[in-house]
Amino acid sequence: MDVSDRSAAVTMQDRSWQFFYRNQTVLTVSAAYPVVSIPGARWVQERINAVVRGQVSRFYRNASGPLYRQAVREYRDSQAHDFPFRPYDAVLKYEVPFNRDCHLSLYRDQYEYTGGAHGNTVRASDTWNLETGRRLPLLHFFRPGENYRKTVLDEILRQADEAMADGSGMLFEDYRTLLRKYFNPSSYFLAQDGVSVYYQQYEVAPYAAGIVVFSVPYGVEPSCAKR
């Protein structure tokens, strides 16, 4: 079989649930997640799908357990003190930014609204080799022996300096310190033109900036060649 441009067939599945207390909707939950099919590599397919199913299951357990109980407490408190109750919301959504050359990259945003002015989103990601079934670390996409952390951070700082200088940046004043402090090698996904490295809400910028993403050129292009 020619695997020179292997990719996965991805089908998105949608699930939603409503949780009630005393006939009042206190929590809505939804998940949009991928199911992958990889002809000729069924064990890799099953491994990826099992990981995704586990992630969705953990999200549901947290929503239907601790988050639901928190929503019920908030609802009871609102009734006892006569103030409006805003139903809670939990959303899990996956995106597929890269799916070619034997690599599949996924990221997932988990949003929770628990009252107040706005909700919060946390991002996580996984990048897979479709030939080996391995989840790949960020260093895989840079030359062996290269100080990839320095390469990535130097590029992130360069882009941040440029954005702040021209007024397009929305980072905290001490952004250079924060970008180094909160750099997480696991917080990346593949894109068409490079590696996308992201920072969680509030780490390096105010809420309005959302999840801050920097694009870093590949040191080693994704390909079906094993290394």
N, C-alpha and C. Protein backbone atom coordinates (compact mmCIF):
# COMPACT_ATOMS: atom_id res chain seq x y z
N MET A 1 0.84 -1.20 0.00
CA MET A 1 0.00 0.00 0.00
C MET A 1 0.87 1.24 0.00
N ASP A 2 0.53 2.23 -0.84
CA ASP A 2 1.26 3.49 -0.89
C ASP A 2 0.85 4.35 0.30
N VAL A 3 1.80 4.65 1.19
CA VAL A 3 1.48 5.44 2.38
C VAL A 3 2.19 6.79 2.33
N SER A 4 2.63 7.21 1.13
CA SER A 4 3.42 8.44 1.03
C SER A 4 2.64 9.68 1.43
N ASP A 5 1.29 9.60 1.44
CA ASP A 5 0.49 10.74 1.85
C ASP A 5 -0.68 10.28 2.70
N ARG A 6 -0.40 9.35 3.60
CA ARG A 6 -1.48 8.76 4.40
C ARG A 6 -2.14 9.82 5.28
N SER A 7 -3.47 9.75 5.33
CA SER A 7 -4.25 10.59 6.22
C SER A 7 -5.36 9.74 6.81
N ALA A 8 -6.06 10.29 7.77
CA ALA A 8 -7.17 9.58 8.40
C ALA A 8 -8.49 10.12 7.86
N ALA A 9 -9.48 9.25 7.71
CA ALA A 9 -10.84 9.71 7.44
C ALA A 9 -11.46 10.08 8.79
N VAL A 10 -11.95 11.30 8.91
CA VAL A 10 -12.45 11.80 10.18
C VAL A 10 -13.94 12.12 10.07
N THR A 11 -14.72 11.52 10.96
CA THR A 11 -16.15 11.81 11.06
C THR A 11 -16.43 12.42 12.42
N MET A 12 -17.11 13.55 12.45
CA MET A 12 -17.41 14.20 13.72
C MET A 12 -18.73 13.66 14.29
N GLN A 13 -18.72 13.38 15.57
CA GLN A 13 -19.90 12.93 16.29
C GLN A 13 -20.33 14.03 17.27
N ASP A 14 -21.64 14.17 17.42
CA ASP A 14 -22.18 15.19 18.34
C ASP A 14 -23.06 14.51 19.38
N ARG A 15 -22.84 14.88 20.63
CA ARG A 15 -23.67 14.40 21.74
C ARG A 15 -24.07 15.60 22.60
N SER A 16 -25.26 15.53 23.18
CA SER A 16 -25.67 16.60 24.08
C SER A 16 -26.56 16.02 25.17
N TRP A 17 -26.54 16.67 26.33
CA TRP A 17 -27.29 16.23 27.49
C TRP A 17 -27.83 17.46 28.23
N GLN A 18 -28.96 17.27 28.90
CA GLN A 18 -29.49 18.29 29.80
C GLN A 18 -29.64 17.68 31.19
N PHE A 19 -29.32 18.47 32.20
CA PHE A 19 -29.40 18.01 33.59
C PHE A 19 -30.36 18.94 34.34
N PHE A 20 -31.26 18.30 35.09
CA PHE A 20 -32.33 19.04 35.75
C PHE A 20 -32.23 18.91 37.27
N TYR A 21 -32.81 19.89 37.94
CA TYR A 21 -33.03 19.81 39.38
C TYR A 21 -34.35 20.49 39.66
N ARG A 22 -35.30 19.72 40.23
CA ARG A 22 -36.64 20.24 40.52
C ARG A 22 -37.27 20.86 39.26
N ASN A 23 -37.19 20.15 38.17
CA ASN A 23 -37.76 20.54 36.89
C ASN A 23 -37.12 21.78 36.28
N GLN A 24 -36.01 22.21 36.83
CA GLN A 24 -35.27 23.34 36.28
C GLN A 24 -34.00 22.84 35.60
N THR A 25 -33.78 23.28 34.36
CA THR A 25 -32.51 22.96 33.71
C THR A 25 -31.40 23.73 34.39
N VAL A 26 -30.46 23.01 34.99
CA VAL A 26 -29.36 23.68 35.68
C VAL A 26 -28.04 23.55 34.93
N LEU A 27 -27.99 22.62 33.97
CA LEU A 27 -26.74 22.39 33.26
C LEU A 27 -27.04 21.79 31.88
N THR A 28 -26.40 22.32 30.85
CA THR A 28 -26.41 21.71 29.53
C THR A 28 -24.98 21.31 29.18
N VAL A 29 -24.84 20.18 28.53
CA VAL A 29 -23.53 19.62 28.20
C VAL A 29 -23.54 19.17 26.75
N SER A 30 -22.48 19.45 26.02
CA SER A 30 -22.38 18.98 24.64
C SER A 30 -20.94 18.65 24.31
N ALA A 31 -20.78 17.72 23.38
CA ALA A 31 -19.45 17.30 22.94
C ALA A 31 -19.49 17.04 21.44
N ALA A 32 -18.53 17.59 20.72
CA ALA A 32 -18.34 17.32 19.29
C ALA A 32 -16.94 16.75 19.14
N TYR A 33 -16.84 15.46 18.78
CA TYR A 33 -15.55 14.79 18.82
C TYR A 33 -15.36 13.92 17.57
N PRO A 34 -14.11 13.65 17.21
CA PRO A 34 -13.84 12.90 15.98
C PRO A 34 -13.81 11.39 16.21
N VAL A 35 -14.23 10.67 15.19
CA VAL A 35 -14.00 9.24 15.08
C VAL A 35 -13.17 9.04 13.82
N VAL A 36 -12.02 8.39 13.95
CA VAL A 36 -11.11 8.28 12.81
C VAL A 36 -11.13 6.87 12.23
N SER A 37 -10.88 6.81 10.94
CA SER A 37 -10.74 5.55 10.22
C SER A 37 -9.45 5.62 9.40
N ILE A 38 -8.61 4.57 9.54
CA ILE A 38 -7.32 4.55 8.84
C ILE A 38 -7.20 3.21 8.12
N PRO A 39 -7.52 3.16 6.86
CA PRO A 39 -7.43 1.90 6.11
C PRO A 39 -6.01 1.33 6.19
N GLY A 40 -5.93 0.04 6.50
CA GLY A 40 -4.64 -0.62 6.57
C GLY A 40 -3.91 -0.44 7.87
N ALA A 41 -4.47 0.29 8.81
CA ALA A 41 -3.82 0.50 10.11
C ALA A 41 -4.88 0.52 11.20
N ARG A 42 -5.62 -0.58 11.28
CA ARG A 42 -6.76 -0.63 12.20
C ARG A 42 -6.33 -0.46 13.66
N TRP A 43 -5.17 -0.99 14.03
CA TRP A 43 -4.76 -0.89 15.43
C TRP A 43 -4.44 0.56 15.80
N VAL A 44 -3.88 1.33 14.85
CA VAL A 44 -3.63 2.76 15.09
C VAL A 44 -4.96 3.49 15.22
N GLN A 45 -5.88 3.16 14.31
CA GLN A 45 -7.23 3.73 14.35
C GLN A 45 -7.87 3.50 15.72
N GLU A 46 -7.83 2.26 16.20
CA GLU A 46 -8.47 1.93 17.47
C GLU A 46 -7.78 2.64 18.64
N ARG A 47 -6.47 2.78 18.55
CA ARG A 47 -5.74 3.44 19.63
C ARG A 47 -6.15 4.91 19.73
N ILE A 48 -6.22 5.60 18.60
CA ILE A 48 -6.60 7.01 18.61
C ILE A 48 -8.04 7.16 19.09
N ASN A 49 -8.93 6.33 18.57
CA ASN A 49 -10.34 6.43 18.98
C ASN A 49 -10.52 6.13 20.46
N ALA A 50 -9.74 5.20 21.00
CA ALA A 50 -9.83 4.88 22.42
C ALA A 50 -9.40 6.07 23.28
N VAL A 51 -8.34 6.75 22.85
CA VAL A 51 -7.88 7.93 23.60
C VAL A 51 -8.93 9.02 23.57
N VAL A 52 -9.50 9.27 22.40
CA VAL A 52 -10.53 10.30 22.29
C VAL A 52 -11.75 9.93 23.13
N ARG A 53 -12.17 8.68 23.07
CA ARG A 53 -13.31 8.25 23.89
C ARG A 53 -13.03 8.47 25.37
N GLY A 54 -11.82 8.19 25.80
CA GLY A 54 -11.46 8.40 27.20
C GLY A 54 -11.53 9.87 27.58
N GLN A 55 -11.09 10.74 26.69
CA GLN A 55 -11.14 12.17 26.95
C GLN A 55 -12.58 12.66 27.06
N VAL A 56 -13.44 12.19 26.16
CA VAL A 56 -14.85 12.57 26.19
C VAL A 56 -15.51 12.03 27.45
N SER A 57 -15.17 10.80 27.84
CA SER A 57 -15.75 10.20 29.05
C SER A 57 -15.36 10.98 30.30
N ARG A 58 -14.10 11.41 30.38
CA ARG A 58 -13.67 12.20 31.54
C ARG A 58 -14.40 13.53 31.58
N PHE A 59 -14.56 14.15 30.42
CA PHE A 59 -15.31 15.41 30.35
C PHE A 59 -16.74 15.20 30.85
N TYR A 60 -17.39 14.13 30.39
CA TYR A 60 -18.78 13.88 30.80
C TYR A 60 -18.87 13.59 32.30
N ARG A 61 -17.93 12.78 32.81
CA ARG A 61 -17.97 12.46 34.24
C ARG A 61 -17.81 13.71 35.09
N ASN A 62 -16.93 14.61 34.69
CA ASN A 62 -16.75 15.84 35.45
C ASN A 62 -18.00 16.71 35.38
N ALA A 63 -18.61 16.78 34.17
CA ALA A 63 -19.79 17.61 34.02
C ALA A 63 -20.98 17.04 34.79
N SER A 64 -21.20 15.74 34.68
CA SER A 64 -22.36 15.13 35.31
C SER A 64 -22.18 14.92 36.81
N GLY A 65 -20.95 15.02 37.30
CA GLY A 65 -20.68 14.87 38.72
C GLY A 65 -20.42 16.20 39.40
N PRO A 66 -19.16 16.61 39.54
CA PRO A 66 -18.84 17.85 40.28
C PRO A 66 -19.52 19.10 39.73
N LEU A 67 -19.55 19.25 38.40
CA LEU A 67 -20.14 20.48 37.84
C LEU A 67 -21.65 20.52 38.07
N TYR A 68 -22.32 19.38 37.93
CA TYR A 68 -23.76 19.33 38.19
C TYR A 68 -24.05 19.66 39.65
N ARG A 69 -23.28 19.10 40.57
CA ARG A 69 -23.51 19.37 41.99
C ARG A 69 -23.28 20.85 42.29
N GLN A 70 -22.29 21.45 41.66
CA GLN A 70 -22.04 22.88 41.85
C GLN A 70 -23.23 23.70 41.32
N ALA A 71 -23.77 23.30 40.17
CA ALA A 71 -24.92 24.00 39.60
C ALA A 71 -26.14 23.90 40.52
N VAL A 72 -26.34 22.73 41.10
CA VAL A 72 -27.47 22.55 42.02
C VAL A 72 -27.30 23.44 43.24
N ARG A 73 -26.10 23.51 43.80
CA ARG A 73 -25.87 24.39 44.95
C ARG A 73 -26.15 25.84 44.60
N GLU A 74 -25.71 26.25 43.41
CA GLU A 74 -25.94 27.63 42.97
C GLU A 74 -27.44 27.89 42.79
N TYR A 75 -28.15 26.92 42.24
CA TYR A 75 -29.59 27.08 42.04
C TYR A 75 -30.31 27.20 43.39
N ARG A 76 -29.97 26.33 44.33
CA ARG A 76 -30.57 26.40 45.66
C ARG A 76 -30.31 27.76 46.32
N ASP A 77 -29.08 28.23 46.19
CA ASP A 77 -28.70 29.51 46.78
C ASP A 77 -29.50 30.64 46.15
N SER A 78 -29.68 30.56 44.83
CA SER A 78 -30.44 31.62 44.15
C SER A 78 -31.90 31.64 44.61
N GLN A 79 -32.46 30.46 44.85
CA GLN A 79 -33.84 30.40 45.33
C GLN A 79 -33.96 30.90 46.76
N ALA A 80 -32.97 30.57 47.57
CA ALA A 80 -33.00 30.97 48.97
C ALA A 80 -32.82 32.48 49.14
N HIS A 81 -32.08 33.11 48.22
CA HIS A 81 -31.77 34.54 48.38
C HIS A 81 -32.40 35.39 47.28
N ASP A 82 -33.28 34.78 46.49
CA ASP A 82 -34.08 35.51 45.51
C ASP A 82 -33.24 36.32 44.52
N PHE A 83 -32.31 35.62 43.86
CA PHE A 83 -31.59 36.26 42.77
C PHE A 83 -31.62 35.33 41.55
N PRO A 84 -31.44 35.86 40.36
CA PRO A 84 -31.57 35.03 39.15
C PRO A 84 -30.51 33.93 39.09
N PHE A 85 -30.95 32.79 38.57
CA PHE A 85 -30.01 31.69 38.34
C PHE A 85 -29.71 31.58 36.86
N ARG A 86 -28.45 31.54 36.52
CA ARG A 86 -28.03 31.37 35.13
C ARG A 86 -27.57 29.92 34.96
N PRO A 87 -28.25 29.14 34.12
CA PRO A 87 -27.87 27.73 33.94
C PRO A 87 -26.42 27.59 33.53
N TYR A 88 -25.78 26.55 34.04
CA TYR A 88 -24.40 26.25 33.70
C TYR A 88 -24.33 25.63 32.30
N ASP A 89 -23.13 25.69 31.74
CA ASP A 89 -22.94 25.15 30.40
C ASP A 89 -21.54 24.54 30.32
N ALA A 90 -21.42 23.39 29.67
CA ALA A 90 -20.13 22.74 29.45
C ALA A 90 -20.08 22.25 28.01
N VAL A 91 -19.03 22.64 27.29
CA VAL A 91 -18.91 22.30 25.87
C VAL A 91 -17.51 21.77 25.60
N LEU A 92 -17.44 20.64 24.94
CA LEU A 92 -16.17 20.07 24.48
C LEU A 92 -16.20 20.02 22.97
N LYS A 93 -15.23 20.66 22.33
CA LYS A 93 -15.20 20.71 20.87
C LYS A 93 -13.80 20.43 20.36
N TYR A 94 -13.69 19.48 19.44
CA TYR A 94 -12.42 19.11 18.81
C TYR A 94 -12.29 19.80 17.45
N GLU A 95 -11.05 20.12 17.10
CA GLU A 95 -10.71 20.62 15.78
C GLU A 95 -9.60 19.75 15.20
N VAL A 96 -9.53 19.69 13.87
CA VAL A 96 -8.52 18.88 13.17
C VAL A 96 -7.70 19.82 12.29
N PRO A 97 -6.66 20.46 12.81
CA PRO A 97 -5.91 21.42 12.02
C PRO A 97 -4.93 20.80 11.03
N PHE A 98 -4.61 19.50 11.21
CA PHE A 98 -3.61 18.87 10.32
C PHE A 98 -3.94 17.39 10.19
N ASN A 99 -4.00 16.93 8.92
CA ASN A 99 -4.33 15.52 8.67
C ASN A 99 -3.76 15.12 7.32
N ARG A 100 -2.45 14.91 7.28
CA ARG A 100 -1.78 14.50 6.04
C ARG A 100 -0.36 14.04 6.37
N ASP A 101 0.31 13.47 5.35
CA ASP A 101 1.70 13.06 5.51
C ASP A 101 1.92 12.18 6.75
N CYS A 102 0.99 11.25 6.98
CA CYS A 102 1.09 10.29 8.10
C CYS A 102 0.99 10.94 9.47
N HIS A 103 0.45 12.15 9.55
CA HIS A 103 0.30 12.83 10.83
C HIS A 103 -1.12 13.35 10.99
N LEU A 104 -1.65 13.16 12.18
CA LEU A 104 -2.97 13.68 12.55
C LEU A 104 -2.81 14.50 13.81
N SER A 105 -3.19 15.77 13.74
CA SER A 105 -3.10 16.65 14.90
C SER A 105 -4.50 17.10 15.29
N LEU A 106 -4.82 16.98 16.56
CA LEU A 106 -6.13 17.37 17.10
C LEU A 106 -5.93 18.33 18.25
N TYR A 107 -6.83 19.30 18.36
CA TYR A 107 -6.89 20.03 19.63
C TYR A 107 -8.34 20.12 20.07
N ARG A 108 -8.54 20.24 21.35
CA ARG A 108 -9.88 20.27 21.92
C ARG A 108 -9.99 21.43 22.90
N ASP A 109 -11.07 22.15 22.79
CA ASP A 109 -11.36 23.26 23.70
C ASP A 109 -12.49 22.84 24.62
N GLN A 110 -12.26 22.97 25.91
CA GLN A 110 -13.28 22.65 26.91
C GLN A 110 -13.73 23.95 27.56
N TYR A 111 -14.98 24.29 27.30
CA TYR A 111 -15.56 25.55 27.78
C TYR A 111 -16.52 25.25 28.93
N GLU A 112 -16.47 26.08 29.97
CA GLU A 112 -17.42 25.98 31.06
C GLU A 112 -17.93 27.36 31.42
N TYR A 113 -19.24 27.45 31.55
CA TYR A 113 -19.87 28.66 32.07
C TYR A 113 -20.52 28.32 33.40
N THR A 114 -20.12 29.03 34.45
CA THR A 114 -20.65 28.76 35.79
C THR A 114 -21.19 30.03 36.42
N GLY A 115 -21.85 30.86 35.60
CA GLY A 115 -22.36 32.13 36.08
C GLY A 115 -21.33 33.23 35.86
N GLY A 116 -21.70 34.43 36.20
CA GLY A 116 -20.76 35.54 36.04
C GLY A 116 -20.81 36.13 34.65
N ALA A 117 -19.79 36.94 34.35
CA ALA A 117 -19.79 37.69 33.09
C ALA A 117 -19.49 36.81 31.88
N HIS A 118 -18.70 35.78 32.07
CA HIS A 118 -18.31 34.95 30.93
C HIS A 118 -17.80 33.60 31.42
N GLY A 119 -17.67 32.67 30.47
CA GLY A 119 -17.12 31.36 30.80
C GLY A 119 -15.63 31.32 30.57
N ASN A 120 -15.06 30.14 30.78
CA ASN A 120 -13.63 29.95 30.58
C ASN A 120 -13.38 28.73 29.68
N THR A 121 -12.32 28.81 28.90
CA THR A 121 -11.94 27.74 27.98
C THR A 121 -10.54 27.26 28.29
N VAL A 122 -10.37 25.94 28.29
CA VAL A 122 -9.05 25.32 28.44
C VAL A 122 -8.80 24.48 27.20
N ARG A 123 -7.60 24.63 26.62
CA ARG A 123 -7.25 23.88 25.40
C ARG A 123 -6.25 22.78 25.72
N ALA A 124 -6.38 21.66 25.02
CA ALA A 124 -5.42 20.56 25.09
C ALA A 124 -5.29 19.98 23.68
N SER A 125 -4.24 19.18 23.44
CA SER A 125 -3.99 18.71 22.07
C SER A 125 -3.19 17.43 22.06
N ASP A 126 -3.29 16.73 20.93
CA ASP A 126 -2.52 15.51 20.69
C ASP A 126 -2.12 15.48 19.22
N THR A 127 -0.91 15.01 18.95
CA THR A 127 -0.45 14.81 17.58
C THR A 127 0.03 13.38 17.43
N TRP A 128 -0.48 12.70 16.40
CA TRP A 128 -0.25 11.27 16.21
C TRP A 128 0.53 11.00 14.94
N ASN A 129 1.38 9.99 14.98
CA ASN A 129 1.97 9.41 13.77
C ASN A 129 1.05 8.28 13.34
N LEU A 130 0.51 8.37 12.14
CA LEU A 130 -0.48 7.40 11.68
C LEU A 130 0.14 6.08 11.25
N GLU A 131 1.46 6.02 11.14
CA GLU A 131 2.14 4.77 10.83
C GLU A 131 2.48 3.98 12.10
N THR A 132 2.96 4.68 13.11
CA THR A 132 3.44 4.01 14.32
C THR A 132 2.42 4.00 15.45
N GLY A 133 1.41 4.87 15.38
CA GLY A 133 0.44 4.97 16.47
C GLY A 133 0.96 5.72 17.67
N ARG A 134 2.10 6.39 17.52
CA ARG A 134 2.70 7.12 18.64
C ARG A 134 2.15 8.54 18.71
N ARG A 135 1.95 9.02 19.97
CA ARG A 135 1.73 10.45 20.16
C ARG A 135 3.10 11.12 20.20
N LEU A 136 3.24 12.20 19.47
CA LEU A 136 4.55 12.80 19.25
C LEU A 136 4.76 14.06 20.08
N PRO A 137 5.95 14.20 20.66
CA PRO A 137 6.27 15.42 21.39
C PRO A 137 6.68 16.54 20.43
N LEU A 138 6.68 17.75 20.93
CA LEU A 138 7.04 18.91 20.11
C LEU A 138 8.44 18.77 19.51
N LEU A 139 9.38 18.22 20.26
CA LEU A 139 10.77 18.13 19.80
C LEU A 139 10.90 17.29 18.53
N HIS A 140 9.90 16.44 18.24
CA HIS A 140 9.94 15.59 17.05
C HIS A 140 10.02 16.41 15.76
N PHE A 141 9.54 17.65 15.82
CA PHE A 141 9.45 18.47 14.62
C PHE A 141 10.60 19.47 14.51
N PHE A 142 11.70 19.14 15.21
CA PHE A 142 12.93 19.92 15.11
C PHE A 142 14.10 18.96 14.94
N ARG A 143 15.21 19.47 14.48
CA ARG A 143 16.36 18.62 14.17
C ARG A 143 16.88 17.92 15.42
N PRO A 144 17.30 16.66 15.30
CA PRO A 144 17.87 15.94 16.45
C PRO A 144 19.04 16.73 17.05
N GLY A 145 19.03 16.88 18.35
CA GLY A 145 20.10 17.59 19.04
C GLY A 145 19.89 19.09 19.13
N GLU A 146 18.91 19.61 18.39
CA GLU A 146 18.64 21.05 18.42
C GLU A 146 18.00 21.43 19.76
N ASN A 147 18.36 22.59 20.28
CA ASN A 147 17.71 23.11 21.48
C ASN A 147 16.36 23.69 21.04
N TYR A 148 15.39 22.80 20.91
CA TYR A 148 14.11 23.21 20.32
C TYR A 148 13.39 24.23 21.20
N ARG A 149 13.55 24.12 22.52
CA ARG A 149 12.90 25.08 23.41
C ARG A 149 13.38 26.50 23.11
N LYS A 150 14.68 26.65 22.93
CA LYS A 150 15.23 27.96 22.62
C LYS A 150 14.74 28.44 21.26
N THR A 151 14.75 27.54 20.28
CA THR A 151 14.29 27.91 18.94
C THR A 151 12.85 28.40 18.98
N VAL A 152 11.98 27.66 19.67
CA VAL A 152 10.57 28.01 19.74
C VAL A 152 10.37 29.31 20.51
N LEU A 153 10.99 29.42 21.68
CA LEU A 153 10.79 30.62 22.49
C LEU A 153 11.36 31.86 21.82
N ASP A 154 12.49 31.74 21.16
CA ASP A 154 13.05 32.88 20.45
C ASP A 154 12.07 33.40 19.40
N GLU A 155 11.43 32.47 18.67
CA GLU A 155 10.47 32.89 17.64
C GLU A 155 9.22 33.48 18.27
N ILE A 156 8.73 32.88 19.35
CA ILE A 156 7.56 33.42 20.05
C ILE A 156 7.84 34.83 20.55
N LEU A 157 9.00 35.04 21.17
CA LEU A 157 9.34 36.36 21.70
C LEU A 157 9.49 37.37 20.57
N ARG A 158 10.06 36.95 19.46
CA ARG A 158 10.20 37.86 18.32
C ARG A 158 8.83 38.31 17.83
N GLN A 159 7.91 37.36 17.68
CA GLN A 159 6.58 37.71 17.20
C GLN A 159 5.84 38.59 18.20
N ALA A 160 6.01 38.28 19.49
CA ALA A 160 5.33 39.07 20.52
C ALA A 160 5.88 40.50 20.56
N ASP A 161 7.19 40.64 20.48
CA ASP A 161 7.79 41.98 20.45
C ASP A 161 7.26 42.79 19.27
N GLU A 162 7.19 42.15 18.12
CA GLU A 162 6.72 42.83 16.91
C GLU A 162 5.26 43.26 17.05
N ALA A 163 4.41 42.36 17.60
CA ALA A 163 3.00 42.67 17.76
C ALA A 163 2.79 43.80 18.77
N MET A 164 3.54 43.79 19.84
CA MET A 164 3.40 44.84 20.85
C MET A 164 3.91 46.18 20.32
N ALA A 165 4.94 46.13 19.49
CA ALA A 165 5.51 47.36 18.95
C ALA A 165 4.56 48.02 17.94
N ASP A 166 3.86 47.20 17.13
CA ASP A 166 2.99 47.80 16.13
C ASP A 166 1.55 47.99 16.61
N GLY A 167 1.29 47.63 17.87
CA GLY A 167 -0.02 47.87 18.45
C GLY A 167 -1.04 46.78 18.23
N SER A 168 -0.66 45.71 17.53
CA SER A 168 -1.61 44.63 17.28
C SER A 168 -1.62 43.59 18.40
N GLY A 169 -0.65 43.66 19.31
CA GLY A 169 -0.57 42.71 20.41
C GLY A 169 -1.52 43.08 21.54
N MET A 170 -1.91 42.08 22.31
CA MET A 170 -2.85 42.29 23.42
C MET A 170 -2.34 41.53 24.64
N LEU A 171 -1.04 41.64 24.91
CA LEU A 171 -0.41 40.87 25.97
C LEU A 171 -0.22 41.73 27.22
N PHE A 172 -0.02 41.04 28.34
CA PHE A 172 0.30 41.75 29.58
C PHE A 172 1.64 42.47 29.45
N GLU A 173 1.85 43.47 30.31
CA GLU A 173 3.05 44.30 30.23
C GLU A 173 4.33 43.47 30.39
N ASP A 174 4.30 42.48 31.27
CA ASP A 174 5.48 41.64 31.51
C ASP A 174 5.43 40.37 30.65
N TYR A 175 4.98 40.51 29.41
CA TYR A 175 4.73 39.36 28.54
C TYR A 175 5.97 38.52 28.29
N ARG A 176 7.14 39.13 28.22
CA ARG A 176 8.34 38.34 27.93
C ARG A 176 8.62 37.35 29.06
N THR A 177 8.45 37.78 30.29
CA THR A 177 8.63 36.88 31.44
C THR A 177 7.55 35.79 31.44
N LEU A 178 6.31 36.19 31.15
CA LEU A 178 5.19 35.24 31.18
C LEU A 178 5.28 34.21 30.06
N LEU A 179 5.72 34.65 28.88
CA LEU A 179 5.85 33.70 27.77
C LEU A 179 6.86 32.61 28.09
N ARG A 180 7.92 32.95 28.77
CA ARG A 180 8.90 31.94 29.19
C ARG A 180 8.34 31.08 30.31
N LYS A 181 7.71 31.72 31.29
CA LYS A 181 7.22 31.01 32.47
C LYS A 181 6.17 29.96 32.11
N TYR A 182 5.25 30.30 31.21
CA TYR A 182 4.12 29.42 30.93
C TYR A 182 4.29 28.60 29.65
N PHE A 183 5.47 28.66 29.04
CA PHE A 183 5.70 27.81 27.88
C PHE A 183 5.58 26.35 28.27
N ASN A 184 4.73 25.62 27.55
CA ASN A 184 4.48 24.21 27.84
C ASN A 184 4.67 23.42 26.55
N PRO A 185 5.69 22.56 26.47
CA PRO A 185 5.93 21.80 25.24
C PRO A 185 4.76 20.94 24.80
N SER A 186 3.84 20.63 25.72
CA SER A 186 2.67 19.83 25.35
C SER A 186 1.58 20.67 24.69
N SER A 187 1.70 21.98 24.81
CA SER A 187 0.66 22.88 24.29
C SER A 187 0.97 23.28 22.85
N TYR A 188 0.81 22.33 21.95
CA TYR A 188 1.07 22.60 20.54
C TYR A 188 0.18 21.72 19.68
N PHE A 189 -0.01 22.16 18.43
CA PHE A 189 -0.61 21.32 17.40
C PHE A 189 0.01 21.69 16.06
N LEU A 190 -0.13 20.81 15.10
CA LEU A 190 0.42 21.06 13.77
C LEU A 190 -0.56 21.87 12.94
N ALA A 191 -0.01 22.76 12.11
CA ALA A 191 -0.79 23.50 11.13
C ALA A 191 -0.09 23.37 9.79
N GLN A 192 -0.68 23.93 8.76
CA GLN A 192 -0.13 23.72 7.42
C GLN A 192 1.25 24.35 7.26
N ASP A 193 1.49 25.48 7.92
CA ASP A 193 2.73 26.22 7.71
C ASP A 193 3.73 26.12 8.86
N GLY A 194 3.37 25.41 9.92
CA GLY A 194 4.29 25.33 11.04
C GLY A 194 3.61 24.77 12.27
N VAL A 195 4.34 24.79 13.37
CA VAL A 195 3.83 24.32 14.65
C VAL A 195 3.13 25.48 15.36
N SER A 196 1.92 25.25 15.81
CA SER A 196 1.18 26.27 16.55
C SER A 196 1.33 26.00 18.04
N VAL A 197 1.93 26.95 18.74
CA VAL A 197 2.14 26.85 20.19
C VAL A 197 1.16 27.80 20.88
N TYR A 198 0.44 27.32 21.86
CA TYR A 198 -0.61 28.14 22.47
C TYR A 198 -0.41 28.30 23.97
N TYR A 199 -1.01 29.37 24.47
CA TYR A 199 -1.03 29.68 25.90
C TYR A 199 -2.49 29.77 26.34
N GLN A 200 -2.76 29.28 27.56
CA GLN A 200 -4.12 29.28 28.07
C GLN A 200 -4.59 30.70 28.40
N GLN A 201 -5.90 30.85 28.51
CA GLN A 201 -6.46 32.14 28.89
C GLN A 201 -5.81 32.64 30.19
N TYR A 202 -5.55 33.92 30.23
CA TYR A 202 -5.00 34.63 31.39
C TYR A 202 -3.52 34.41 31.63
N GLU A 203 -2.88 33.44 30.96
CA GLU A 203 -1.47 33.19 31.24
C GLU A 203 -0.59 34.34 30.79
N VAL A 204 -0.83 34.84 29.58
CA VAL A 204 0.04 35.89 29.03
C VAL A 204 -0.75 37.11 28.56
N ALA A 205 -2.08 37.07 28.65
CA ALA A 205 -2.90 38.15 28.11
C ALA A 205 -4.23 38.18 28.84
N PRO A 206 -4.96 39.30 28.77
CA PRO A 206 -6.28 39.37 29.40
C PRO A 206 -7.29 38.47 28.71
N TYR A 207 -8.45 38.30 29.36
CA TYR A 207 -9.47 37.40 28.86
C TYR A 207 -9.86 37.69 27.41
N ALA A 208 -9.97 38.97 27.07
CA ALA A 208 -10.42 39.36 25.74
C ALA A 208 -9.52 38.82 24.63
N ALA A 209 -8.27 38.53 24.94
CA ALA A 209 -7.34 38.01 23.94
C ALA A 209 -7.59 36.54 23.64
N GLY A 210 -8.34 35.86 24.51
CA GLY A 210 -8.60 34.44 24.31
C GLY A 210 -7.35 33.60 24.50
N ILE A 211 -7.32 32.46 23.83
CA ILE A 211 -6.14 31.59 23.85
C ILE A 211 -5.15 32.13 22.83
N VAL A 212 -3.97 32.49 23.30
CA VAL A 212 -2.97 33.14 22.45
C VAL A 212 -2.16 32.06 21.73
N VAL A 213 -2.04 32.18 20.40
CA VAL A 213 -1.37 31.17 19.57
C VAL A 213 -0.25 31.82 18.76
N PHE A 214 0.90 31.15 18.73
CA PHE A 214 2.03 31.58 17.92
C PHE A 214 2.36 30.47 16.93
N SER A 215 2.67 30.85 15.69
CA SER A 215 3.05 29.89 14.66
C SER A 215 4.56 29.90 14.49
N VAL A 216 5.17 28.74 14.69
CA VAL A 216 6.63 28.59 14.61
C VAL A 216 6.96 27.71 13.41
N PRO A 217 7.85 28.14 12.51
CA PRO A 217 8.19 27.31 11.35
C PRO A 217 8.74 25.95 11.76
N TYR A 218 8.42 24.93 10.96
CA TYR A 218 8.92 23.59 11.22
C TYR A 218 10.45 23.57 11.12
N GLY A 219 11.07 22.82 12.04
CA GLY A 219 12.46 22.50 11.89
C GLY A 219 12.64 21.23 11.06
N VAL A 220 11.66 20.31 11.21
CA VAL A 220 11.58 19.09 10.40
C VAL A 220 10.13 18.96 9.95
N GLU A 221 9.90 18.96 8.65
CA GLU A 221 8.53 18.86 8.11
C GLU A 221 7.92 17.50 8.43
N PRO A 222 6.63 17.46 8.77
CA PRO A 222 5.94 16.17 8.93
C PRO A 222 6.00 15.37 7.63
N SER A 223 6.33 14.11 7.74
CA SER A 223 6.35 13.24 6.56
C SER A 223 6.15 11.81 7.00
N CYS A 224 5.97 10.92 6.05
CA CYS A 224 5.79 9.51 6.36
C CYS A 224 7.11 8.79 6.66
N ALA A 225 8.22 9.46 6.48
CA ALA A 225 9.51 8.86 6.82
C ALA A 225 9.62 8.72 8.33
N LYS A 226 9.92 7.55 8.81
CA LYS A 226 9.98 7.30 10.26
C LYS A 226 11.32 7.82 10.79
N ARG A 227 11.27 8.37 12.00
CA ARG A 227 12.49 8.78 12.66
C ARG A 227 12.30 8.75 14.17
